Amino acid sequence: MGFLTDKEVLSLNPSELLPHATPIPTQIVSSDEFTPAPQSPAQKLVEARLLDMADTYGRQHNMSRRQFFQSASGMAAGFVALNEVFFPVFDASRAEAATPAQAQERAAGLKDQFIMDMHTHFLRDDTRLVNFVRSREAVGKAGWNPTLVDKPQTLEDLKFNNYFKEIYLDSDTKIALISSSPSEIPGDWFLTNEMTIAARDKVNKEAGSRRMFAHAIFTPGQDGWLEHLEGSLAAKPESIKGYTVGDNTNKDLAKHPWRMDDEKMTYKAYEMAVKYGIKNICVHKGLFPTATAERWPHLLQYAMVGDVGKAAKDWPQLNFVIYHGGYRWAAGGNVNDGWNEFETTGRVSWVSDLAEVPAKYGVTNVYADVGQLFAQSVVADPRITAAMMGILGKGLGYDRVVWGTDAVWTGSPQWQIEALRRLEISEEMQKKYGFKPLGPATGAIKTAIFGGTNAKLYDFDISKRGDIGPNRDKFSIMKAEYEQRGPARSNLRYGYVSDAVDWSAFA
């Protein structure tokens, strides 16, 4: 099986049981698709500084740690800690962390910003991916968490109800696209295409406006794949998505990897997309570090981005949105590999390769989604996040970098939203590599990344968004009532963390 074995799961801890529910993660969290990297000494120091600020500033305002971490000041404190430990790349100050009114005023001023997150997930009700459950049960039986002893554990945190809360209530996200992941085993699809479309239709009906979009997954090479795709397209998804490694969940069973530029097979999917009026082809790339490549060497070439350029050139009427920006070093990799590569060569695998596609092939229809690229680097070493954003902006243009978070694996996407709002590329990096600055939270570049470009890709009229104007939709009214009751963001992330020590930092 490609997802974690029982032995691997027992060597990890459920991320929900971390002792401190900090506003930003202080170590890498994985789904059950890869082993997470250990917490680094630097991340441990970030955590220590966050706890110190929570105790110091929280006490001044009669707030517990939990209350402080749920507040706007707590969120600001997270980026202050990252600045102090790594490098000052975030617009955050101790004054904001220490002054709840100041922090809340800033947060309130940004909450209506248009954010269109086109990369989110939840699990189907009948999922058999139960490693999460087994891990929680083991923790309860060991007595580590008394509340779990003899209590049946479920996957509800990864299903729709909690997804709705964390996306639409606990974050500033206005529109989300629900995606899935395919498998050679039918029951291991996160959601079937039918489930995805049904969820979209249900959400939009309940909201009274268009709040959710949907992918249809396509699986070149699998039995009956083209007929299945056509049946799914008849239900009018907004775009299609594929995994070139085939089965990303059960990599041992991945019998049908494919290339984007396969004229005999994959191009049939593009032809069908055009026939049904679909113009956005989303493709999972990257997330294939050295350890993964050694375990599944036959899939390595398919995780790379060498097949993007020809497909984009041959199909100028389509947009190719490369998920994760092709970033190699996430999903069980080590951010140090990415940073060391960048310091040595000025490149990051395979982000730099993707960024060079427009110049190499003379195309303008290639886009980079930042899901996981952003989440798994910004809390591990934000310098590499800034570098990758600069690389993509220089090569593709910032107007072809689009927002996606891969939530809910990493919890509510609010911390990622705040990270981009505050992130800036250092002047030193700008001068050395010719990167353009990202600018302010509501400036032209971040406005485009957060939602402007996605709206153009999906022909969505921002002026008709359901959360503004006199005819606000049900979700907007629900969120206003939710916020009146006070912050309830859990700050939980869903998956696994390692309790090992990252000894490489001491080498």
Foldseek 3Di string as FASTA:
>chain_A
DQFDDPVLLLQFAWQQPDPALALADLADFDARRFAGDARAPLSVQLVVQLVVLLVVLVVVVVHHSQQLRLALLRLLSSLVSQCVSFNNFFDGDNVSNNDRVNSVVVCVVCLQFAFEAAAAEAADPQAPPCSLQVNLQVCQVVVVDVVSPPNRDDRVCRHDPVVCCQAQQVASYQAYEYEWADAPDRRNIRDALVRRLVVQVVVCVQFVHRRYFYEHEAAWPPPPRLVSLLVSCVSPGLAYEYEQCGHSRRSVPRPGHHFLQPVVINVSVVVSCVVSVHAEYEYEAAQQDDVNCVVRVVSVVSRACPRPQNNCLVCVSHAYEYELLNQHQPRHHAVVVQVVCCVVPVDGPPNLVQLQSCVVRVGLRYAYENARVQSVDCSRHVLSVQSSCQSNCVRNNLLRYAYHHHPPQQPRCRSSLSCLQTGWHDPVSCVVPVGDICDHSPDPSNSSHRPVSVCVSSVHDPVPRQLDDPRHTPSNVVSVVVPVVPRDRSSGHGHIHRNDYPCVVVD
